[in-house]
């Protein structure tokens, strides 16, 4: 009886994005035998992150904190502590305790990246968490009417369709460790998350984009389940892919992972009240463009619709494992 071939080592996977969707997925991926590096956006300028970014002149800590928490081996109560947001107190109200800890660690170590590394050690993080750059960047959007909207948190509120997004400074330097991780990756995974304000800011960092395009890793795109008001209104799966290609100038992905499970009508109604609906899977168009599609029921509903982290990470791991075995 022939033996199933085994991998010589854990696959090296780089996950790119930001926001809640990325954290949900990472909670599933950390259970797999994977060497994970998460590259996280530093374009956030809203809420607690925006205030700390402005007052302390540090990259925004919020998305980094979420990812650290997702990959950490800590008690559930400690996760809640990191997420805790002060409701009262002059200067404290609105701040997340995890953001303040990361800001303090940056001050103690003298560097944002070193602060993340030290917190990762304290929280027994499974993998590495890296900012896309060691400085805050400003995200701008040109809207369909030609107007320019400044700021990641402001763009979705403009009420206008997005033509393109771009960074200031446009020549921002990527963190060298992030570039190296991409060069050594067996797989590069994008999303889920806000297309224009969480995923795209990473792809617009020139050094990162160049490393991704050159890489012979398998490249996977996890499409959002629902459209995002002010960002991807009425977008289909192929619209998401076309937006990335228009910005980067290359067809980046080998596989697209999408939900094709039904969303209960009452849940659709809840989201419709917020101007959101299920992302339409236009399968013929996506495959015509040369993408391989993995479609499955990938959603769970609790308070919000979320990706089923266990099922999603199973698909991702099997794709990466097959890719490595084929490469030999």
Protein backbone atom coordinates (compact mmCIF):
# COMPACT_ATOMS: atom_id res chain seq x y z
CA UNK A 1 0.00 0.00 0.00
CA UNK A 2 1.50 3.34 -1.05
CA UNK A 3 2.03 5.91 1.67
CA UNK A 4 0.55 9.39 1.47
CA UNK A 5 3.43 11.81 0.78
CA UNK A 6 4.20 14.13 3.67
CA UNK A 7 5.52 17.66 3.71
CA UNK A 8 9.17 18.10 4.72
CA UNK A 9 8.28 21.08 6.93
CA UNK A 10 5.37 23.28 7.90
CA UNK A 11 4.27 25.47 4.98
CA UNK A 12 5.21 29.15 5.29
CA UNK A 13 2.08 31.24 4.78
CA UNK A 14 1.88 35.04 4.69
CA UNK A 15 -1.54 36.49 5.45
CA UNK A 16 -2.21 40.07 4.32
CA UNK A 17 -4.96 42.41 5.44
CA UNK A 18 -6.51 43.97 8.52
CA UNK A 19 -9.79 44.28 10.37
CA UNK A 20 -12.06 41.76 12.07
CA UNK A 21 -12.27 39.27 9.18
CA UNK A 22 -8.53 38.67 9.22
CA UNK A 23 -8.55 37.98 12.98
CA UNK A 24 -11.42 35.47 12.68
CA UNK A 25 -9.59 33.54 9.97
CA UNK A 26 -6.28 33.53 11.89
CA UNK A 27 -7.97 31.89 14.89
CA UNK A 28 -8.63 28.92 12.61
CA UNK A 29 -5.28 28.94 10.81
CA UNK A 30 -3.24 28.91 14.03
CA UNK A 31 -4.64 25.42 14.75
CA UNK A 32 -2.97 24.09 11.57
CA UNK A 33 0.70 23.03 11.17
CA UNK A 34 1.59 26.31 9.45
CA UNK A 35 4.39 28.84 9.85
CA UNK A 36 2.26 32.02 9.85
CA UNK A 37 3.32 35.61 9.20
CA UNK A 38 0.59 38.26 9.25
CA UNK A 39 1.30 41.55 7.44
CA UNK A 40 -1.12 44.15 8.74
CA UNK A 41 -2.20 47.52 7.39
CA UNK A 42 -1.01 50.75 9.05
CA UNK A 43 -3.53 53.06 7.33
CA UNK A 44 -6.15 53.06 10.12
CA UNK A 45 -6.93 56.57 11.36
CA UNK A 46 -10.23 56.16 13.20
CA UNK A 47 -11.19 55.76 16.87
CA UNK A 48 -8.60 54.86 19.49
CA UNK A 49 -5.97 53.98 16.85
CA UNK A 50 -6.39 57.34 15.14
CA UNK A 51 -5.98 59.26 18.41
CA UNK A 52 -2.85 57.34 19.44
CA UNK A 53 -1.43 57.67 15.93
CA UNK A 54 -1.92 61.45 16.03
CA UNK A 55 -0.86 62.12 19.63
CA UNK A 56 2.07 59.70 19.94
CA UNK A 57 3.24 59.71 16.30
CA UNK A 58 3.17 55.93 16.09
CA UNK A 59 1.60 53.59 13.52
CA UNK A 60 -2.04 52.78 14.40
CA UNK A 61 -2.10 49.84 16.84
CA UNK A 62 -5.72 48.60 16.49
CA UNK A 63 -5.44 46.07 13.65
CA UNK A 64 -2.09 44.83 14.99
CA UNK A 65 -3.65 44.31 18.44
CA UNK A 66 -6.55 42.32 16.94
CA UNK A 67 -4.16 40.04 15.06
CA UNK A 68 -1.88 39.54 18.10
CA UNK A 69 -4.93 38.58 20.13
CA UNK A 70 -6.12 36.14 17.42
CA UNK A 71 -2.75 34.36 17.23
CA UNK A 72 -1.97 34.45 20.94
CA UNK A 73 -1.98 31.43 23.26
CA UNK A 74 -3.63 33.18 26.18
CA UNK A 75 -6.68 32.60 28.35
CA UNK A 76 -10.03 33.79 26.92
CA UNK A 77 -10.29 36.30 29.77
CA UNK A 78 -6.97 37.87 28.72
CA UNK A 79 -8.34 38.22 25.17
CA UNK A 80 -11.30 40.12 26.63
CA UNK A 81 -8.90 42.32 28.64
CA UNK A 82 -7.00 43.25 25.47
CA UNK A 83 -10.28 44.11 23.72
CA UNK A 84 -11.63 46.07 26.70
CA UNK A 85 -12.64 49.59 25.73
CA UNK A 86 -12.93 52.32 28.37
CA UNK A 87 -16.36 53.97 28.48
CA UNK A 88 -15.50 56.75 30.92
CA UNK A 89 -12.59 58.91 31.92
CA UNK A 90 -11.23 62.12 30.47
CA UNK A 91 -8.80 61.07 27.75
CA UNK A 92 -9.45 57.36 28.36
CA UNK A 93 -12.99 57.00 27.00
CA UNK A 94 -13.00 55.12 23.69
CA UNK A 95 -9.51 53.69 24.06
CA UNK A 96 -8.87 49.95 23.88
CA UNK A 97 -6.62 48.65 26.64
CA UNK A 98 -4.73 46.52 24.10
CA UNK A 99 -3.99 49.62 22.01
CA UNK A 100 -2.63 51.41 25.10
CA UNK A 101 -0.43 48.41 25.98
CA UNK A 102 1.01 48.34 22.46
CA UNK A 103 1.61 52.11 22.60
CA UNK A 104 3.36 51.68 25.97
CA UNK A 105 5.50 48.83 24.65
CA UNK A 106 6.51 50.99 21.68
CA UNK A 107 7.63 53.72 24.09
CA UNK A 108 9.49 51.26 26.36
CA UNK A 109 11.36 49.54 23.51
CA UNK A 110 11.76 52.70 21.42
CA UNK A 111 10.31 51.13 18.28
CA UNK A 112 6.87 49.97 17.11
CA UNK A 113 8.11 46.74 15.49
CA UNK A 114 10.22 45.81 18.54
CA UNK A 115 7.19 46.52 20.73
CA UNK A 116 5.11 44.08 18.66
CA UNK A 117 7.89 41.45 18.88
CA UNK A 118 8.07 41.74 22.66
CA UNK A 119 4.29 41.54 23.08
CA UNK A 120 4.25 38.51 20.77
CA UNK A 121 6.71 36.81 23.11
CA UNK A 122 4.71 37.70 26.22
CA UNK A 123 1.44 36.44 24.69
CA UNK A 124 2.99 33.30 23.14
CA UNK A 125 1.84 34.31 19.65
CA UNK A 126 1.83 31.45 17.13
CA UNK A 127 3.60 33.09 14.22
CA UNK A 128 4.85 36.58 13.45
CA UNK A 129 2.87 39.80 13.24
CA UNK A 130 4.41 42.58 11.14
CA UNK A 131 3.14 46.02 10.14
CA UNK A 132 3.29 46.66 6.39
CA UNK A 133 5.58 49.63 7.18
CA UNK A 134 7.20 51.03 10.32
CA UNK A 135 5.31 54.31 9.92
CA UNK A 136 1.71 55.39 9.66
CA UNK A 137 0.49 55.98 6.12
CA UNK A 138 -2.37 58.10 4.85
CA UNK A 139 -4.90 56.43 2.58
CA UNK A 140 -6.63 58.64 0.01
CA UNK A 141 -9.37 57.85 -2.47
CA UNK A 142 -10.31 59.37 -5.80
CA UNK A 143 -14.08 59.07 -6.11
CA UNK A 144 -16.10 58.63 -9.30
CA UNK A 145 -16.80 62.39 -9.47
CA UNK A 146 -13.06 63.15 -9.33
CA UNK A 147 -13.06 64.41 -5.74
CA UNK A 148 -10.37 63.26 -3.29
CA UNK A 149 -11.29 61.91 0.15
CA UNK A 150 -8.53 61.69 2.76
CA UNK A 151 -8.37 59.08 5.51
CA UNK A 152 -9.19 55.39 5.85
CA UNK A 153 -12.07 56.03 8.26
CA UNK A 154 -13.56 58.82 6.10
CA UNK A 155 -13.57 57.08 2.70
CA UNK A 156 -16.56 54.74 3.27
CA UNK A 157 -18.63 57.66 4.66
CA UNK A 158 -18.32 59.87 1.58
CA UNK A 159 -21.44 58.49 -0.11
CA UNK A 160 -19.60 58.27 -3.44
CA UNK A 161 -18.29 55.30 -5.42
CA UNK A 162 -14.52 54.73 -5.22
CA UNK A 163 -12.55 54.97 -8.46
CA UNK A 164 -9.15 54.22 -6.89
CA UNK A 165 -7.23 54.47 -3.63
CA UNK A 166 -3.62 55.56 -3.18
CA UNK A 167 -1.09 56.16 -0.42
CA UNK A 168 0.70 59.17 0.93
CA UNK A 169 3.65 58.98 0.85
CA UNK A 170 3.38 56.93 -2.37
CA UNK A 171 6.96 55.64 -2.00
CA UNK A 172 6.53 54.38 1.56
CA UNK A 173 9.14 51.75 2.39
CA UNK A 174 7.92 48.32 3.37
CA UNK A 175 9.20 46.71 6.53
CA UNK A 176 12.21 44.60 5.35
CA UNK A 177 11.05 41.62 7.42
CA UNK A 178 7.68 41.74 5.60
CA UNK A 179 9.39 41.68 2.19
CA UNK A 180 11.59 38.77 3.30
CA UNK A 181 8.56 36.83 4.55
CA UNK A 182 6.90 37.22 1.14
CA UNK A 183 10.07 36.11 -0.66
CA UNK A 184 10.23 32.94 1.45
CA UNK A 185 6.49 32.17 1.41
CA UNK A 186 4.93 28.96 0.12
CA UNK A 187 1.52 30.63 0.15
CA UNK A 188 0.25 34.22 0.24
CA UNK A 189 -3.29 34.78 1.48
CA UNK A 190 -5.34 37.96 1.03
CA UNK A 191 -8.46 38.88 2.97
CA UNK A 192 -11.09 38.66 4.17
CA UNK A 193 -11.48 42.31 5.06
CA UNK A 194 -12.41 45.72 3.72
CA UNK A 195 -11.20 45.66 0.11
CA UNK A 196 -10.16 49.29 -0.28
CA UNK A 197 -9.28 50.19 3.31
CA UNK A 198 -7.73 47.00 4.79
CA UNK A 199 -6.38 44.88 1.92
CA UNK A 200 -5.44 47.46 -0.71
CA UNK A 201 -3.24 49.67 1.55
CA UNK A 202 -0.83 46.73 1.90
CA UNK A 203 -0.78 46.02 -1.83
CA UNK A 204 -0.05 49.69 -2.58
CA UNK A 205 3.25 49.60 -0.65
CA UNK A 206 5.62 49.31 -3.67
CA UNK A 207 8.12 46.83 -2.17
CA UNK A 208 5.33 44.53 -0.97
CA UNK A 209 3.55 44.59 -4.34
CA UNK A 210 6.80 43.80 -6.16
CA UNK A 211 7.59 40.87 -3.83
CA UNK A 212 4.06 39.47 -4.24
CA UNK A 213 4.14 39.68 -8.04
CA UNK A 214 7.58 38.00 -8.20
CA UNK A 215 6.72 35.23 -5.75
CA UNK A 216 6.05 31.71 -7.00
CA UNK A 217 3.96 30.98 -3.90
CA UNK A 218 0.35 29.93 -4.35
CA UNK A 219 -1.80 33.07 -3.97
CA UNK A 220 -5.25 32.82 -2.44
CA UNK A 221 -7.98 35.46 -2.16
CA UNK A 222 -10.73 35.02 0.44
CA UNK A 223 -13.67 37.08 -0.74
CA UNK A 224 -15.93 38.88 1.71
CA UNK A 225 -19.35 37.34 2.29
CA UNK A 226 -21.20 40.68 2.29
CA UNK A 227 -20.73 43.95 0.42
CA UNK A 228 -19.54 46.91 2.48
CA UNK A 229 -21.54 50.14 2.37
CA UNK A 230 -19.54 53.01 0.90
CA UNK A 231 -16.83 50.65 -0.29
CA UNK A 232 -18.06 47.71 -2.36
CA UNK A 233 -21.76 48.46 -2.90
CA UNK A 234 -23.27 45.95 -5.37
CA UNK A 235 -19.87 44.31 -5.99
CA UNK A 236 -19.76 40.76 -7.30
CA UNK A 237 -16.79 38.44 -6.70
CA UNK A 238 -15.32 39.39 -10.10
CA UNK A 239 -15.67 43.10 -9.22
CA UNK A 240 -13.44 42.54 -6.17
CA UNK A 241 -10.84 40.81 -8.33
CA UNK A 242 -11.01 43.47 -11.05
CA UNK A 243 -10.43 46.24 -8.47
CA UNK A 244 -7.23 44.56 -7.27
CA UNK A 245 -5.99 44.03 -10.82
CA UNK A 246 -6.74 47.66 -11.74
CA UNK A 247 -4.66 48.90 -8.81
CA UNK A 248 -1.74 46.48 -9.08
CA UNK A 249 -1.64 45.93 -12.83
CA UNK A 250 -1.39 42.16 -12.43
CA UNK A 251 -3.74 39.23 -11.93
CA UNK A 252 -2.39 38.24 -8.54
CA UNK A 253 -4.39 35.25 -7.39
CA UNK A 254 -4.41 31.57 -8.30
CA UNK A 255 -7.42 30.62 -6.20
CA UNK A 256 -10.50 32.49 -5.01
CA UNK A 257 -12.28 31.14 -1.93
CA UNK A 258 -15.94 32.20 -1.73
CA UNK A 259 -19.06 31.45 0.24
CA UNK A 260 -21.88 29.89 -1.76
CA UNK A 261 -23.99 28.88 1.23
CA UNK A 262 -27.41 30.42 1.71
CA UNK A 263 -27.78 33.31 4.11
CA UNK A 264 -31.03 33.14 6.14
CA UNK A 265 -33.60 35.75 4.95
CA UNK A 266 -33.84 37.33 8.40
CA UNK A 267 -30.05 37.84 8.41
CA UNK A 268 -30.15 39.33 4.90
CA UNK A 269 -32.82 41.76 6.15
CA UNK A 270 -30.61 42.83 9.06
CA UNK A 271 -27.74 43.57 6.69
CA UNK A 272 -30.00 45.24 4.11
CA UNK A 273 -30.95 47.80 6.77
CA UNK A 274 -27.26 48.78 6.82
CA UNK A 275 -27.06 48.89 3.00
CA UNK A 276 -25.23 45.58 2.70
CA UNK A 277 -26.04 42.42 0.75
CA UNK A 278 -24.44 39.10 -0.12
CA UNK A 279 -21.54 39.31 -2.59
CA UNK A 280 -22.80 37.67 -5.79
CA UNK A 281 -20.67 34.78 -7.04
CA UNK A 282 -20.55 35.30 -10.82
CA UNK A 283 -18.79 32.00 -11.31
CA UNK A 284 -18.64 32.03 -15.12
CA UNK A 285 -16.95 35.44 -15.18
CA UNK A 286 -14.47 34.57 -12.43
CA UNK A 287 -13.41 31.32 -14.14
CA UNK A 288 -13.31 33.03 -17.53
CA UNK A 289 -10.70 35.38 -16.10
CA UNK A 290 -8.55 32.37 -15.21
CA UNK A 291 -9.12 32.03 -11.47
CA UNK A 292 -9.72 28.67 -9.82
CA UNK A 293 -12.71 28.87 -7.48
CA UNK A 294 -13.23 27.06 -4.18
CA UNK A 295 -16.89 27.55 -3.20
CA UNK A 296 -18.44 26.20 -0.01
CA UNK A 297 -20.80 27.12 2.81
CA UNK A 298 -18.34 29.22 4.77
CA UNK A 299 -20.48 31.39 7.04
CA UNK A 300 -21.65 31.32 10.63
CA UNK A 301 -24.16 33.72 12.13
CA UNK A 302 -24.03 34.77 15.75
CA UNK A 303 -24.36 38.51 16.26
CA UNK A 304 -22.79 39.13 12.86
CA UNK A 305 -22.05 37.01 9.83
CA UNK A 306 -18.54 35.67 10.11
CA UNK A 307 -16.48 33.19 8.13
CA UNK A 308 -16.47 29.69 9.57
CA UNK A 309 -12.81 29.79 10.66
CA UNK A 310 -12.43 26.00 10.95
CA UNK A 311 -13.89 25.21 7.52
CA UNK A 312 -12.05 28.08 5.87
CA UNK A 313 -8.69 27.09 7.37
CA UNK A 314 -9.27 23.46 6.24
CA UNK A 315 -9.66 24.63 2.63
CA UNK A 316 -6.62 26.90 2.87
CA UNK A 317 -4.40 24.23 4.42
CA UNK A 318 -5.34 21.59 1.83
CA UNK A 319 -4.69 24.00 -1.05
CA UNK A 320 -1.28 24.93 0.34
CA UNK A 321 -0.40 21.30 1.10
CA UNK A 322 -1.35 20.20 -2.45
CA UNK A 323 0.66 23.09 -3.94
CA UNK A 324 3.79 22.14 -2.00
CA UNK A 325 3.48 18.44 -2.85
CA UNK A 326 3.09 19.24 -6.54
CA UNK A 327 6.16 21.49 -6.44
CA UNK A 328 8.08 18.72 -4.74
